[in-house]
Amino acid sequence: MQHIVKRGETLALIAANYRRPLQQILSANPAVTNPALIFPGQQITIPGLPEPNSIPYSISVSLSNKRLILYKSGQAVKSYPVGIGRMLTQTPVGEYVIVNREPNPGGPYGVMWLSLSQLGYGIHGTNNPASIGKEVSKGCIRMYNQDVLELSRQVPNGTRVIITR
């Protein structure tokens, strides 16, 4: 997939956000001869992830409604209630992709973790179902365990996730 460099991003940060070793990013981008000289608007190839446009699924998260909506070919197919970040640790607004997944991550993450392309954030289950519909997380999107399992069975890595207020 292609990542468009944003202001303030470094190649090391991009590698971390996509959970790829820096050397792998450099190998996939032979035109980048000096990692310190990337610029906003530049395209960086992220190896191992399909282009989001090639995936029929996408996800929209409305923070104000505390809902995650799954789309297939542009049509809403399912809506799920979610828990989101609290005032001091808000869920980041923006466009991301699912970069990897971890079944049974343990602790407060429930039965599935779907990493987003911003380090430290993901869509995950919960060991506290009463938190769904509330602003209680450290910025992640919490789902009921059965919902995150259903979602993870449908969406592949590379799926676009758009988070709005």
C-alpha atoms as a PDB file:
ATOM      1  CA  MET A   1       0.000   0.000   0.000  1.00  0.00           C
ATOM      2  CA  GLN A   2       1.006   3.632  -0.352  1.00  0.00           C
ATOM      3  CA  HIS A   3       1.296   6.048   2.580  1.00  0.00           C
ATOM      4  CA  ILE A   4       1.353   9.801   1.946  1.00  0.00           C
ATOM      5  CA  VAL A   5       3.821  11.499   4.289  1.00  0.00           C
ATOM      6  CA  LYS A   6       2.209  14.051   6.598  1.00  0.00           C
ATOM      7  CA  ARG A   7       3.910  17.081   8.122  1.00  0.00           C
ATOM      8  CA  GLY A   8       6.094  16.115  11.068  1.00  0.00           C
ATOM      9  CA  GLU A   9       6.300  12.417  10.193  1.00  0.00           C
ATOM     10  CA  THR A  10       9.633  10.636  10.079  1.00  0.00           C
ATOM     11  CA  LEU A  11      10.357   7.359   8.343  1.00  0.00           C
ATOM     12  CA  ALA A  12      10.921   5.756  11.760  1.00  0.00           C
ATOM     13  CA  LEU A  13       7.477   6.920  12.918  1.00  0.00           C
ATOM     14  CA  ILE A  14       5.843   5.633   9.728  1.00  0.00           C
ATOM     15  CA  ALA A  15       7.564   2.264  10.215  1.00  0.00           C
ATOM     16  CA  ALA A  16       6.352   2.116  13.839  1.00  0.00           C
ATOM     17  CA  ASN A  17       2.788   3.109  12.911  1.00  0.00           C
ATOM     18  CA  TYR A  18       2.582   0.304  10.353  1.00  0.00           C
ATOM     19  CA  ARG A  19       4.474  -2.152  12.621  1.00  0.00           C
ATOM     20  CA  ARG A  20       7.160  -2.716  10.000  1.00  0.00           C
ATOM     21  CA  PRO A  21      10.930  -2.699  10.593  1.00  0.00           C
ATOM     22  CA  LEU A  22      12.548   0.500   9.304  1.00  0.00           C
ATOM     23  CA  GLN A  23      14.869  -1.558   7.094  1.00  0.00           C
ATOM     24  CA  GLN A  24      11.833  -3.187   5.433  1.00  0.00           C
ATOM     25  CA  ILE A  25      10.382   0.269   4.663  1.00  0.00           C
ATOM     26  CA  LEU A  26      13.735   1.407   3.264  1.00  0.00           C
ATOM     27  CA  SER A  27      14.052  -1.729   1.105  1.00  0.00           C
ATOM     28  CA  ALA A  28      10.569  -1.140  -0.348  1.00  0.00           C
ATOM     29  CA  ASN A  29      11.463   2.492  -1.154  1.00  0.00           C
ATOM     30  CA  PRO A  30      14.815   2.492  -2.980  1.00  0.00           C
ATOM     31  CA  ALA A  31      14.342   6.157  -4.007  1.00  0.00           C
ATOM     32  CA  VAL A  32      14.619   7.126  -0.324  1.00  0.00           C
ATOM     33  CA  THR A  33      18.380   7.290  -0.004  1.00  0.00           C
ATOM     34  CA  ASN A  34      18.340   9.293   3.225  1.00  0.00           C
ATOM     35  CA  PRO A  35      15.527   8.507   5.721  1.00  0.00           C
ATOM     36  CA  ALA A  36      15.899  12.007   7.194  1.00  0.00           C
ATOM     37  CA  LEU A  37      14.964  13.625   3.885  1.00  0.00           C
ATOM     38  CA  ILE A  38      11.342  12.620   3.408  1.00  0.00           C
ATOM     39  CA  PHE A  39       8.798  15.372   2.827  1.00  0.00           C
ATOM     40  CA  PRO A  40       5.045  15.963   3.207  1.00  0.00           C
ATOM     41  CA  GLY A  41       3.117  14.629   0.231  1.00  0.00           C
ATOM     42  CA  GLN A  42       5.756  12.021  -0.631  1.00  0.00           C
ATOM     43  CA  GLN A  43       4.476   8.495  -1.291  1.00  0.00           C
ATOM     44  CA  ILE A  44       6.009   5.735   0.801  1.00  0.00           C
ATOM     45  CA  THR A  45       5.357   2.089  -0.052  1.00  0.00           C
ATOM     46  CA  ILE A  46       4.287   0.004   2.935  1.00  0.00           C
ATOM     47  CA  PRO A  47       5.157  -3.622   2.125  1.00  0.00           C
ATOM     48  CA  GLY A  48       2.839  -6.449   3.083  1.00  0.00           C
ATOM     49  CA  LEU A  49      -0.424  -4.486   3.118  1.00  0.00           C
ATOM     50  CA  PRO A  50      -2.908  -4.321   0.241  1.00  0.00           C
ATOM     51  CA  GLU A  51      -4.184  -0.990  -1.039  1.00  0.00           C
ATOM     52  CA  PRO A  52      -7.323  -0.099   0.966  1.00  0.00           C
ATOM     53  CA  ASN A  53      -9.164   0.651  -2.304  1.00  0.00           C
ATOM     54  CA  SER A  54      -8.704  -2.993  -3.326  1.00  0.00           C
ATOM     55  CA  ILE A  55     -10.669  -4.168  -0.260  1.00  0.00           C
ATOM     56  CA  PRO A  56     -14.480  -4.125  -0.486  1.00  0.00           C
ATOM     57  CA  TYR A  57     -14.798  -3.392   3.233  1.00  0.00           C
ATOM     58  CA  SER A  58     -14.308  -0.140   5.121  1.00  0.00           C
ATOM     59  CA  ILE A  59     -15.071   0.967   8.661  1.00  0.00           C
ATOM     60  CA  SER A  60     -16.436   4.258   9.927  1.00  0.00           C
ATOM     61  CA  VAL A  61     -16.369   5.188  13.607  1.00  0.00           C
ATOM     62  CA  SER A  62     -18.516   8.060  14.859  1.00  0.00           C
ATOM     63  CA  LEU A  63     -17.200   9.238  18.203  1.00  0.00           C
ATOM     64  CA  SER A  64     -20.265  11.399  18.905  1.00  0.00           C
ATOM     65  CA  ASN A  65     -22.617   8.450  18.280  1.00  0.00           C
ATOM     66  CA  LYS A  66     -20.239   5.859  19.770  1.00  0.00           C
ATOM     67  CA  ARG A  67     -20.932   3.592  16.786  1.00  0.00           C
ATOM     68  CA  LEU A  68     -18.732   1.605  14.421  1.00  0.00           C
ATOM     69  CA  ILE A  69     -20.278   0.976  11.016  1.00  0.00           C
ATOM     70  CA  LEU A  70     -19.003  -1.733   8.692  1.00  0.00           C
ATOM     71  CA  TYR A  71     -19.400  -1.042   4.975  1.00  0.00           C
ATOM     72  CA  LYS A  72     -19.129  -3.451   2.073  1.00  0.00           C
ATOM     73  CA  SER A  73     -18.817  -1.923  -1.395  1.00  0.00           C
ATOM     74  CA  GLY A  74     -19.995   1.397   0.031  1.00  0.00           C
ATOM     75  CA  GLN A  75     -23.162  -0.009   1.630  1.00  0.00           C
ATOM     76  CA  ALA A  76     -23.585  -0.123   5.405  1.00  0.00           C
ATOM     77  CA  VAL A  77     -23.973  -3.760   6.444  1.00  0.00           C
ATOM     78  CA  LYS A  78     -23.684  -3.637  10.245  1.00  0.00           C
ATOM     79  CA  SER A  79     -23.552  -1.093  13.062  1.00  0.00           C
ATOM     80  CA  TYR A  80     -21.935  -1.832  16.408  1.00  0.00           C
ATOM     81  CA  PRO A  81     -21.911   0.093  19.714  1.00  0.00           C
ATOM     82  CA  VAL A  82     -18.415   1.022  20.901  1.00  0.00           C
ATOM     83  CA  GLY A  83     -16.577   2.531  23.837  1.00  0.00           C
ATOM     84  CA  ILE A  84     -14.128   5.334  23.037  1.00  0.00           C
ATOM     85  CA  GLY A  85     -11.396   7.445  24.616  1.00  0.00           C
ATOM     86  CA  ARG A  86     -12.066   9.652  27.580  1.00  0.00           C
ATOM     87  CA  MET A  87     -11.478  13.421  27.768  1.00  0.00           C
ATOM     88  CA  LEU A  88      -7.735  13.260  28.506  1.00  0.00           C
ATOM     89  CA  THR A  89      -7.034  10.305  26.206  1.00  0.00           C
ATOM     90  CA  GLN A  90      -9.324  10.914  23.263  1.00  0.00           C
ATOM     91  CA  THR A  91      -9.647   8.585  20.316  1.00  0.00           C
ATOM     92  CA  PRO A  92      -7.697  10.135  17.432  1.00  0.00           C
ATOM     93  CA  VAL A  93      -9.767  11.444  14.521  1.00  0.00           C
ATOM     94  CA  GLY A  94      -8.464  10.594  11.056  1.00  0.00           C
ATOM     95  CA  GLU A  95      -8.030   7.925   8.427  1.00  0.00           C
ATOM     96  CA  TYR A  96      -6.150   4.751   9.289  1.00  0.00           C
ATOM     97  CA  VAL A  97      -5.871   1.136   8.162  1.00  0.00           C
ATOM     98  CA  ILE A  98      -5.835  -2.121  10.075  1.00  0.00           C
ATOM     99  CA  VAL A  99      -2.201  -3.218  10.025  1.00  0.00           C
ATOM    100  CA  ASN A 100      -2.286  -6.460  12.014  1.00  0.00           C
ATOM    101  CA  ARG A 101      -4.302  -8.424  14.532  1.00  0.00           C
ATOM    102  CA  GLU A 102      -3.724 -10.418  17.686  1.00  0.00           C
ATOM    103  CA  PRO A 103      -6.201 -12.972  18.988  1.00  0.00           C
ATOM    104  CA  ASN A 104      -6.525 -13.204  22.781  1.00  0.00           C
ATOM    105  CA  PRO A 105      -4.184 -10.325  23.676  1.00  0.00           C
ATOM    106  CA  GLY A 106      -5.259 -10.581  27.319  1.00  0.00           C
ATOM    107  CA  GLY A 107      -6.024  -7.977  29.927  1.00  0.00           C
ATOM    108  CA  PRO A 108      -8.525  -5.265  29.078  1.00  0.00           C
ATOM    109  CA  TYR A 109      -8.309  -6.019  25.331  1.00  0.00           C
ATOM    110  CA  GLY A 110     -10.729  -8.925  25.303  1.00  0.00           C
ATOM    111  CA  VAL A 111     -10.587 -11.638  22.662  1.00  0.00           C
ATOM    112  CA  MET A 112      -9.147  -9.704  19.681  1.00  0.00           C
ATOM    113  CA  TRP A 113      -6.916  -6.725  18.952  1.00  0.00           C
ATOM    114  CA  LEU A 114      -6.934  -5.044  15.517  1.00  0.00           C
ATOM    115  CA  SER A 115      -3.996  -2.597  15.331  1.00  0.00           C
ATOM    116  CA  LEU A 116      -4.569   0.707  13.587  1.00  0.00           C
ATOM    117  CA  SER A 117      -1.886   2.550  11.615  1.00  0.00           C
ATOM    118  CA  GLN A 118      -1.221   4.867  14.546  1.00  0.00           C
ATOM    119  CA  LEU A 119       1.023   3.299  17.161  1.00  0.00           C
ATOM    120  CA  GLY A 120      -0.783   2.432  20.375  1.00  0.00           C
ATOM    121  CA  TYR A 121      -4.328   2.508  18.983  1.00  0.00           C
ATOM    122  CA  GLY A 122      -6.636  -0.259  17.914  1.00  0.00           C
ATOM    123  CA  ILE A 123     -10.087  -1.752  17.784  1.00  0.00           C
ATOM    124  CA  HIS A 124     -10.445  -4.438  20.419  1.00  0.00           C
ATOM    125  CA  GLY A 125     -12.733  -6.455  22.632  1.00  0.00           C
ATOM    126  CA  THR A 126     -13.040  -5.807  26.330  1.00  0.00           C
ATOM    127  CA  ASN A 127     -13.022  -7.563  29.670  1.00  0.00           C
ATOM    128  CA  ASN A 128     -15.498  -4.896  30.863  1.00  0.00           C
ATOM    129  CA  PRO A 129     -18.673  -5.032  28.728  1.00  0.00           C
ATOM    130  CA  ALA A 130     -20.234  -2.233  30.829  1.00  0.00           C
ATOM    131  CA  SER A 131     -17.715   0.166  29.207  1.00  0.00           C
ATOM    132  CA  ILE A 132     -19.361  -0.083  25.768  1.00  0.00           C
ATOM    133  CA  GLY A 133     -21.179   3.142  24.924  1.00  0.00           C
ATOM    134  CA  LYS A 134     -18.994   5.163  27.273  1.00  0.00           C
ATOM    135  CA  GLU A 135     -15.906   7.386  27.095  1.00  0.00           C
ATOM    136  CA  VAL A 136     -13.541   5.290  29.176  1.00  0.00           C
ATOM    137  CA  SER A 137     -10.607   4.022  27.075  1.00  0.00           C
ATOM    138  CA  LYS A 138      -7.117   5.411  26.581  1.00  0.00           C
ATOM    139  CA  GLY A 139      -8.086   6.231  22.995  1.00  0.00           C
ATOM    140  CA  CYS A 140      -8.827   2.804  21.575  1.00  0.00           C
ATOM    141  CA  ILE A 141     -12.170   1.671  20.218  1.00  0.00           C
ATOM    142  CA  ARG A 142     -13.719  -1.005  22.443  1.00  0.00           C
ATOM    143  CA  MET A 143     -16.283  -3.498  21.235  1.00  0.00           C
ATOM    144  CA  TYR A 144     -18.191  -6.357  22.787  1.00  0.00           C
ATOM    145  CA  ASN A 145     -16.061  -9.493  22.375  1.00  0.00           C
ATOM    146  CA  GLN A 146     -18.577 -11.236  20.100  1.00  0.00           C
ATOM    147  CA  ASP A 147     -18.766  -8.085  17.924  1.00  0.00           C
ATOM    148  CA  VAL A 148     -15.011  -7.689  17.487  1.00  0.00           C
ATOM    149  CA  LEU A 149     -14.735 -11.382  16.587  1.00  0.00           C
ATOM    150  CA  GLU A 150     -17.494 -11.011  13.980  1.00  0.00           C
ATOM    151  CA  LEU A 151     -15.803  -7.888  12.578  1.00  0.00           C
ATOM    152  CA  SER A 152     -12.338  -9.474  12.501  1.00  0.00           C
ATOM    153  CA  ARG A 153     -13.625 -12.462  10.538  1.00  0.00           C
ATOM    154  CA  GLN A 154     -14.829 -10.124   7.780  1.00  0.00           C
ATOM    155  CA  VAL A 155     -12.213  -7.401   7.419  1.00  0.00           C
ATOM    156  CA  PRO A 156      -8.662  -8.133   6.277  1.00  0.00           C
ATOM    157  CA  ASN A 157      -5.539  -6.210   7.180  1.00  0.00           C
ATOM    158  CA  GLY A 158      -5.392  -3.101   5.008  1.00  0.00           C
ATOM    159  CA  THR A 159      -9.063  -2.243   5.650  1.00  0.00           C
ATOM    160  CA  ARG A 160      -9.618   1.528   5.823  1.00  0.00           C
ATOM    161  CA  VAL A 161     -10.875   2.901   9.172  1.00  0.00           C
ATOM    162  CA  ILE A 162     -12.190   6.477   9.260  1.00  0.00           C
ATOM    163  CA  ILE A 163     -12.755   7.995  12.699  1.00  0.00           C
ATOM    164  CA  THR A 164     -14.851  11.166  12.918  1.00  0.00           C
ATOM    165  CA  ARG A 165     -16.203  13.300  15.723  1.00  0.00           C
END
